[in-house]
C-alpha atoms as a PDB file:
ATOM      1  CA  MET A   1     -17.327  47.418 -16.206  1.00  0.00           C
ATOM      2  CA  ALA A   2     -19.113  47.183 -13.139  1.00  0.00           C
ATOM      3  CA  PHE A   3     -17.294  43.068 -12.746  1.00  0.00           C
ATOM      4  CA  LEU A   4     -13.637  45.731 -13.852  1.00  0.00           C
ATOM      5  CA  SER A   5     -14.154  47.703 -11.232  1.00  0.00           C
ATOM      6  CA  GLN A   6     -15.083  45.407  -8.669  1.00  0.00           C
ATOM      7  CA  ALA A   7     -12.201  43.230  -9.533  1.00  0.00           C
ATOM      8  CA  GLN A   8      -9.834  46.372  -9.352  1.00  0.00           C
ATOM      9  CA  ALA A   9     -11.272  47.178  -5.836  1.00  0.00           C
ATOM     10  CA  ALA A  10     -10.495  43.468  -4.909  1.00  0.00           C
ATOM     11  CA  PRO A  11      -7.989  43.985  -2.116  1.00  0.00           C
ATOM     12  CA  ALA A  12      -4.859  42.106  -2.569  1.00  0.00           C
ATOM     13  CA  TRP A  13      -4.885  39.364  -0.175  1.00  0.00           C
ATOM     14  CA  PHE A  14      -8.058  37.883  -2.005  1.00  0.00           C
ATOM     15  CA  LEU A  15      -6.484  38.057  -4.901  1.00  0.00           C
ATOM     16  CA  SER A  16      -3.885  35.958  -3.566  1.00  0.00           C
ATOM     17  CA  LEU A  17      -6.066  34.015  -2.284  1.00  0.00           C
ATOM     18  CA  ALA A  18      -8.008  33.229  -5.147  1.00  0.00           C
ATOM     19  CA  PHE A  19      -5.045  32.668  -7.483  1.00  0.00           C
ATOM     20  CA  LEU A  20      -3.698  29.828  -5.368  1.00  0.00           C
ATOM     21  CA  GLY A  21      -7.669  28.359  -4.804  1.00  0.00           C
ATOM     22  CA  THR A  22      -6.829  28.287  -9.177  1.00  0.00           C
ATOM     23  CA  LEU A  23      -3.559  26.366  -8.612  1.00  0.00           C
ATOM     24  CA  TYR A  24      -5.003  23.853  -5.795  1.00  0.00           C
ATOM     25  CA  ALA A  25      -7.894  23.038  -7.705  1.00  0.00           C
ATOM     26  CA  ALA A  26      -5.576  22.702 -11.609  1.00  0.00           C
ATOM     27  CA  ALA A  27      -3.339  20.343  -9.753  1.00  0.00           C
ATOM     28  CA  PHE A  28      -6.455  18.444  -8.193  1.00  0.00           C
ATOM     29  CA  SER A  29      -8.236  18.288 -11.369  1.00  0.00           C
ATOM     30  CA  PHE A  30      -4.754  17.137 -13.082  1.00  0.00           C
ATOM     31  CA  ARG A  31      -4.340  14.208 -10.688  1.00  0.00           C
ATOM     32  CA  LEU A  32      -8.248  13.264 -10.929  1.00  0.00           C
ATOM     33  CA  LEU A  33      -7.953  13.083 -14.848  1.00  0.00           C
ATOM     34  CA  ALA A  34      -4.721  10.955 -14.484  1.00  0.00           C
ATOM     35  CA  HIS A  35      -6.231   8.487 -11.985  1.00  0.00           C
ATOM     36  CA  LEU A  36      -9.168   8.892 -14.407  1.00  0.00           C
ATOM     37  CA  ALA A  37      -6.761   8.222 -17.366  1.00  0.00           C
ATOM     38  CA  LEU A  38      -5.784   4.597 -15.722  1.00  0.00           C
ATOM     39  CA  CYS A  39      -8.603   3.700 -14.804  1.00  0.00           C
ATOM     40  CA  LEU A  40     -10.105   3.630 -18.240  1.00  0.00           C
ATOM     41  CA  ARG A  41      -6.828   2.226 -19.744  1.00  0.00           C
ATOM     42  CA  ARG A  42      -7.039  -1.483 -21.525  1.00  0.00           C
ATOM     43  CA  PRO A  43      -5.923  -3.782 -18.814  1.00  0.00           C
ATOM     44  CA  LYS A  44      -2.532  -5.146 -18.906  1.00  0.00           C
ATOM     45  CA  ASP A  45      -1.141  -8.500 -18.890  1.00  0.00           C
ATOM     46  CA  LEU A  46       0.189  -8.791 -15.565  1.00  0.00           C
ATOM     47  CA  ARG A  47       1.320 -12.215 -16.058  1.00  0.00           C
ATOM     48  CA  ARG A  48       3.213 -11.386 -19.048  1.00  0.00           C
ATOM     49  CA  ARG A  49       4.194  -8.481 -18.404  1.00  0.00           C
ATOM     50  CA  TYR A  50       5.826  -8.744 -14.579  1.00  0.00           C
ATOM     51  CA  GLY A  51       5.873 -12.438 -13.822  1.00  0.00           C
ATOM     52  CA  ALA A  52       3.379 -15.595 -12.292  1.00  0.00           C
ATOM     53  CA  TRP A  53       3.570 -14.723  -8.910  1.00  0.00           C
ATOM     54  CA  ALA A  54       2.340 -12.019  -6.908  1.00  0.00           C
ATOM     55  CA  VAL A  55       3.003 -11.717  -2.839  1.00  0.00           C
ATOM     56  CA  VAL A  56       0.327 -10.013  -1.071  1.00  0.00           C
ATOM     57  CA  THR A  57       0.016  -9.336   2.689  1.00  0.00           C
ATOM     58  CA  GLY A  58      -2.815  -8.770   4.884  1.00  0.00           C
ATOM     59  CA  PRO A  59      -4.717 -10.757   2.152  1.00  0.00           C
ATOM     60  CA  THR A  60      -7.666 -12.014   4.206  1.00  0.00           C
ATOM     61  CA  SER A  61     -10.189  -8.691   4.688  1.00  0.00           C
ATOM     62  CA  GLY A  62     -11.090  -5.259   2.711  1.00  0.00           C
ATOM     63  CA  ILE A  63      -8.923  -4.076   0.446  1.00  0.00           C
ATOM     64  CA  GLY A  64      -6.430  -6.603   0.711  1.00  0.00           C
ATOM     65  CA  ARG A  65      -8.949  -9.428  -0.307  1.00  0.00           C
ATOM     66  CA  SER A  66      -9.997  -7.699  -3.208  1.00  0.00           C
ATOM     67  CA  VAL A  67      -6.575  -6.967  -4.333  1.00  0.00           C
ATOM     68  CA  ALA A  68      -5.522 -11.040  -4.145  1.00  0.00           C
ATOM     69  CA  LEU A  69      -9.027 -11.702  -5.936  1.00  0.00           C
ATOM     70  CA  GLU A  70      -8.497  -9.126  -8.537  1.00  0.00           C
ATOM     71  CA  LEU A  71      -4.974 -10.788  -9.245  1.00  0.00           C
ATOM     72  CA  ALA A  72      -5.912 -14.106  -9.170  1.00  0.00           C
ATOM     73  CA  SER A  73      -8.835 -13.021 -11.788  1.00  0.00           C
ATOM     74  CA  ARG A  74      -6.033 -11.689 -13.807  1.00  0.00           C
ATOM     75  CA  GLY A  75      -3.748 -15.010 -13.382  1.00  0.00           C
ATOM     76  CA  LEU A  76      -1.337 -14.491 -10.890  1.00  0.00           C
ATOM     77  CA  ASN A  77      -0.517 -17.247  -8.672  1.00  0.00           C
ATOM     78  CA  LEU A  78      -0.458 -16.060  -5.015  1.00  0.00           C
ATOM     79  CA  VAL A  79       1.579 -16.297  -2.053  1.00  0.00           C
ATOM     80  CA  LEU A  80      -0.549 -14.809   0.739  1.00  0.00           C
ATOM     81  CA  VAL A  81       1.123 -13.523   3.847  1.00  0.00           C
ATOM     82  CA  ASP A  82      -1.008 -12.860   6.995  1.00  0.00           C
ATOM     83  CA  LEU A  83      -1.199 -13.407  10.968  1.00  0.00           C
ATOM     84  CA  ASN A  84      -3.890 -15.682  10.984  1.00  0.00           C
ATOM     85  CA  ALA A  85      -3.833 -19.446   9.931  1.00  0.00           C
ATOM     86  CA  ALA A  86      -7.411 -20.054   9.583  1.00  0.00           C
ATOM     87  CA  ASN A  87      -8.142 -16.970   7.751  1.00  0.00           C
ATOM     88  CA  LEU A  88      -5.008 -17.625   5.279  1.00  0.00           C
ATOM     89  CA  LYS A  89      -6.834 -21.105   4.787  1.00  0.00           C
ATOM     90  CA  GLU A  90     -10.546 -19.712   3.422  1.00  0.00           C
ATOM     91  CA  ILE A  91      -8.837 -16.902   1.082  1.00  0.00           C
ATOM     92  CA  ALA A  92      -6.736 -19.339  -0.431  1.00  0.00           C
ATOM     93  CA  HIS A  93      -9.503 -22.076  -0.698  1.00  0.00           C
ATOM     94  CA  THR A  94     -11.766 -18.941  -2.205  1.00  0.00           C
ATOM     95  CA  VAL A  95      -9.148 -17.749  -4.609  1.00  0.00           C
ATOM     96  CA  ARG A  96      -8.256 -21.572  -5.754  1.00  0.00           C
ATOM     97  CA  SER A  97     -11.925 -22.101  -6.012  1.00  0.00           C
ATOM     98  CA  ARG A  98     -12.359 -18.743  -8.400  1.00  0.00           C
ATOM     99  CA  HIS A  99      -9.807 -18.836 -10.290  1.00  0.00           C
ATOM    100  CA  ALA A 100      -7.223 -21.324 -12.389  1.00  0.00           C
ATOM    101  CA  VAL A 101      -4.664 -20.263 -10.278  1.00  0.00           C
ATOM    102  CA  GLN A 102      -1.911 -21.841  -7.522  1.00  0.00           C
ATOM    103  CA  THR A 103      -1.624 -20.102  -3.801  1.00  0.00           C
ATOM    104  CA  LYS A 104       1.051 -20.795  -1.316  1.00  0.00           C
ATOM    105  CA  THR A 105       0.113 -19.280   2.625  1.00  0.00           C
ATOM    106  CA  VAL A 106       2.479 -17.728   5.040  1.00  0.00           C
ATOM    107  CA  VAL A 107       1.767 -17.235   8.686  1.00  0.00           C
ATOM    108  CA  PHE A 108       3.666 -14.169   9.626  1.00  0.00           C
ATOM    109  CA  ASP A 109       2.781 -11.926  12.584  1.00  0.00           C
ATOM    110  CA  LEU A 110       4.354  -9.014  11.042  1.00  0.00           C
ATOM    111  CA  SER A 111       4.194  -6.448  14.318  1.00  0.00           C
ATOM    112  CA  LEU A 112       7.163  -8.912  15.182  1.00  0.00           C
ATOM    113  CA  VAL A 113       9.247  -7.865  12.805  1.00  0.00           C
ATOM    114  CA  SER A 114      12.599  -7.494  14.350  1.00  0.00           C
ATOM    115  CA  THR A 115      12.130 -10.163  16.957  1.00  0.00           C
ATOM    116  CA  ALA A 116      13.447 -13.778  17.046  1.00  0.00           C
ATOM    117  CA  GLN A 117      10.085 -15.046  16.052  1.00  0.00           C
ATOM    118  CA  GLY A 118       9.352 -12.737  13.495  1.00  0.00           C
ATOM    119  CA  ASP A 119      13.267 -13.664  12.016  1.00  0.00           C
ATOM    120  CA  GLU A 120      12.307 -17.243  11.983  1.00  0.00           C
ATOM    121  CA  ALA A 121       8.812 -15.939   9.930  1.00  0.00           C
ATOM    122  CA  MET A 122      10.432 -14.219   7.062  1.00  0.00           C
ATOM    123  CA  ARG A 123      12.844 -16.955   6.924  1.00  0.00           C
ATOM    124  CA  ARG A 124       9.641 -19.028   5.579  1.00  0.00           C
ATOM    125  CA  LEU A 125       8.232 -15.745   3.180  1.00  0.00           C
ATOM    126  CA  ARG A 126      11.811 -16.120   1.530  1.00  0.00           C
ATOM    127  CA  GLU A 127      11.721 -20.004   1.375  1.00  0.00           C
ATOM    128  CA  ALA A 128       8.172 -19.661   0.064  1.00  0.00           C
ATOM    129  CA  VAL A 129       8.785 -17.362  -2.459  1.00  0.00           C
ATOM    130  CA  ALA A 130      12.273 -18.871  -3.618  1.00  0.00           C
ATOM    131  CA  GLY A 131      12.111 -20.136  -7.031  1.00  0.00           C
ATOM    132  CA  LEU A 132       9.424 -18.701  -7.731  1.00  0.00           C
ATOM    133  CA  ASP A 133       8.660 -16.005 -10.620  1.00  0.00           C
ATOM    134  CA  VAL A 134       7.259 -13.663  -8.391  1.00  0.00           C
ATOM    135  CA  GLY A 135       6.300 -10.210 -10.514  1.00  0.00           C
ATOM    136  CA  VAL A 136       4.118  -8.273  -7.784  1.00  0.00           C
ATOM    137  CA  LEU A 137       4.231  -7.130  -4.412  1.00  0.00           C
ATOM    138  CA  VAL A 138       0.940  -5.657  -2.770  1.00  0.00           C
ATOM    139  CA  ASN A 139       2.451  -4.298   0.906  1.00  0.00           C
ATOM    140  CA  ASN A 140      -1.349  -3.709   2.173  1.00  0.00           C
ATOM    141  CA  ALA A 141      -0.987  -5.190   5.728  1.00  0.00           C
ATOM    142  CA  GLY A 142      -1.257  -1.895   8.108  1.00  0.00           C
ATOM    143  CA  VAL A 143      -2.165  -0.922  11.467  1.00  0.00           C
ATOM    144  CA  ALA A 144      -4.358   2.381  12.389  1.00  0.00           C
ATOM    145  CA  LYS A 145      -4.505   1.727  16.587  1.00  0.00           C
ATOM    146  CA  PRO A 146      -3.850   3.125  18.298  1.00  0.00           C
ATOM    147  CA  GLY A 147      -6.803   5.515  17.468  1.00  0.00           C
ATOM    148  CA  ALA A 148      -7.602   9.459  17.719  1.00  0.00           C
ATOM    149  CA  VAL A 149      -5.789   9.856  21.407  1.00  0.00           C
ATOM    150  CA  TYR A 150      -2.817  12.105  22.857  1.00  0.00           C
ATOM    151  CA  LEU A 151       0.107  10.767  23.396  1.00  0.00           C
ATOM    152  CA  HIS A 152       0.499  10.717  26.801  1.00  0.00           C
ATOM    153  CA  GLU A 153      -2.974   8.268  26.358  1.00  0.00           C
ATOM    154  CA  ALA A 154      -1.807   6.200  23.897  1.00  0.00           C
ATOM    155  CA  ASP A 155      -0.486   2.586  24.856  1.00  0.00           C
ATOM    156  CA  VAL A 156       2.864   2.602  23.804  1.00  0.00           C
ATOM    157  CA  GLU A 157       3.295  -0.825  22.888  1.00  0.00           C
ATOM    158  CA  ALA A 158       0.349  -0.656  20.512  1.00  0.00           C
ATOM    159  CA  CYS A 159       2.468   2.383  18.934  1.00  0.00           C
ATOM    160  CA  VAL A 160       5.250   0.009  18.047  1.00  0.00           C
ATOM    161  CA  ARG A 161       3.316  -2.619  16.790  1.00  0.00           C
ATOM    162  CA  MET A 162       1.876   0.252  14.523  1.00  0.00           C
ATOM    163  CA  MET A 163       5.242   0.947  13.784  1.00  0.00           C
ATOM    164  CA  ARG A 164       6.672  -2.053  12.780  1.00  0.00           C
ATOM    165  CA  VAL A 165       4.127  -3.404  10.831  1.00  0.00           C
ATOM    166  CA  ASN A 166       3.379   0.025   8.779  1.00  0.00           C
ATOM    167  CA  LEU A 167       7.390   0.291   8.565  1.00  0.00           C
ATOM    168  CA  TRP A 168       9.761  -2.071   9.250  1.00  0.00           C
ATOM    169  CA  ALA A 169       7.689  -4.984   7.655  1.00  0.00           C
ATOM    170  CA  LEU A 170       7.087  -3.415   4.367  1.00  0.00           C
ATOM    171  CA  THR A 171      10.449  -2.774   4.368  1.00  0.00           C
ATOM    172  CA  GLU A 172      11.775  -6.170   5.670  1.00  0.00           C
ATOM    173  CA  VAL A 173       9.255  -8.190   3.518  1.00  0.00           C
ATOM    174  CA  THR A 174      10.146  -5.675   0.357  1.00  0.00           C
ATOM    175  CA  ALA A 175      13.676  -6.493   0.659  1.00  0.00           C
ATOM    176  CA  ALA A 176      12.853  -9.820   0.444  1.00  0.00           C
ATOM    177  CA  VAL A 177      11.072  -9.943  -2.691  1.00  0.00           C
ATOM    178  CA  LEU A 178      13.167  -7.205  -4.418  1.00  0.00           C
ATOM    179  CA  PRO A 179      16.314  -9.635  -5.170  1.00  0.00           C
ATOM    180  CA  GLY A 180      14.330 -11.415  -7.452  1.00  0.00           C
ATOM    181  CA  MET A 181      12.625  -8.491  -9.023  1.00  0.00           C
ATOM    182  CA  LEU A 182      15.917  -6.755  -9.750  1.00  0.00           C
ATOM    183  CA  GLU A 183      17.708 -10.391 -11.296  1.00  0.00           C
ATOM    184  CA  ARG A 184      14.935 -10.585 -13.702  1.00  0.00           C
ATOM    185  CA  ARG A 185      14.703  -7.190 -14.496  1.00  0.00           C
ATOM    186  CA  ARG A 186      10.982  -6.692 -13.988  1.00  0.00           C
ATOM    187  CA  GLY A 187       8.657  -6.315 -11.322  1.00  0.00           C
ATOM    188  CA  ALA A 188       5.760  -3.812  -9.590  1.00  0.00           C
ATOM    189  CA  VAL A 189       5.792  -3.120  -5.756  1.00  0.00           C
ATOM    190  CA  VAL A 190       2.583  -1.464  -4.534  1.00  0.00           C
ATOM    191  CA  ASN A 191       2.836   0.147  -1.191  1.00  0.00           C
ATOM    192  CA  MET A 192      -0.716   0.833   0.593  1.00  0.00           C
ATOM    193  CA  GLY A 193      -0.514   4.537   1.684  1.00  0.00           C
ATOM    194  CA  SER A 194      -3.564   6.751   3.173  1.00  0.00           C
ATOM    195  CA  ALA A 195      -5.296  10.041   2.564  1.00  0.00           C
ATOM    196  CA  SER A 196      -4.487  11.200   6.290  1.00  0.00           C
ATOM    197  CA  SER A 197      -1.202  11.721   4.359  1.00  0.00           C
ATOM    198  CA  GLU A 198      -2.124  12.699   1.428  1.00  0.00           C
ATOM    199  CA  ALA A 199      -5.678  14.183   1.109  1.00  0.00           C
ATOM    200  CA  ILE A 200      -4.587  16.577   4.310  1.00  0.00           C
ATOM    201  CA  PRO A 201      -1.685  18.542   5.880  1.00  0.00           C
ATOM    202  CA  SER A 202      -1.648  17.174   9.007  1.00  0.00           C
ATOM    203  CA  PHE A 203      -4.314  14.670  10.785  1.00  0.00           C
ATOM    204  CA  PRO A 204      -4.581  15.667  14.556  1.00  0.00           C
ATOM    205  CA  LEU A 205      -4.421  12.551  17.207  1.00  0.00           C
ATOM    206  CA  HIS A 206      -3.473  10.276  14.348  1.00  0.00           C
ATOM    207  CA  THR A 207       0.226  11.697  14.117  1.00  0.00           C
ATOM    208  CA  MET A 208       2.014   8.649  14.291  1.00  0.00           C
ATOM    209  CA  TYR A 209      -0.051   7.066  12.117  1.00  0.00           C
ATOM    210  CA  ALA A 210      -0.158   9.977   9.609  1.00  0.00           C
ATOM    211  CA  ALA A 211       3.694   9.537  10.047  1.00  0.00           C
ATOM    212  CA  THR A 212       4.259   6.080   9.126  1.00  0.00           C
ATOM    213  CA  LYS A 213       1.894   6.540   6.129  1.00  0.00           C
ATOM    214  CA  ARG A 214       3.846   9.375   4.645  1.00  0.00           C
ATOM    215  CA  TYR A 215       6.909   6.838   5.029  1.00  0.00           C
ATOM    216  CA  VAL A 216       5.355   4.130   2.935  1.00  0.00           C
ATOM    217  CA  SER A 217       3.989   7.608   0.057  1.00  0.00           C
ATOM    218  CA  ASN A 218       7.455   8.834  -0.227  1.00  0.00           C
ATOM    219  CA  LYS A 219       8.646   5.087  -0.547  1.00  0.00           C
ATOM    220  CA  ARG A 220       9.767   4.724  -3.961  1.00  0.00           C
ATOM    221  CA  THR A 221      11.458   1.272  -5.242  1.00  0.00           C
ATOM    222  CA  GLY A 222      13.311   1.339  -8.821  1.00  0.00           C
ATOM    223  CA  ILE A 223      13.677  -1.265 -10.993  1.00  0.00           C
ATOM    224  CA  ARG A 224      16.130  -0.663 -13.911  1.00  0.00           C
END
């Protein structure tokens, strides 16, 4: 009876917040369970399901390196795209020494997209994937600089570089690889997002970066 009396005495705003909190917790729990179910599923034969080759941008360190090594362990040959030739040579050697797969490398500074140098690099990428059974594209390359600064304090060139890599390069690389997938009627495109555009409603002092990653999270590529 005491509990009932307290519930009846609770103000409407409190009950509204409690209801919204319950809905948020339920939605979060559903997404968490969905991710857990995905992790617990038996690994798929990616080569058979999608194709023999994968393209990975930014594969020389961090998440991109881990993704490249994982895909190679699953039997996929790799087209590795990065701006540093020495780092590309190292990751390609590491992949081949650990797994019985082939590799191709394309030196491409993605911040030069939509420039003469970027057009030449894009031509080399198209040549590298021409005729290959590319079934997976991982758009991993990304730039987070400038960091936490006000707009009037930011380096404009750095902001433009970030937008070129996070927005334009992702779009152009996808456009270069997608026609082959459509022709073969199979393939998967993985775009690396960020919690800055998913977990929190805003990201103070990182608004441009969060905006570029919101573009990534909203970008859907359908292959029918």
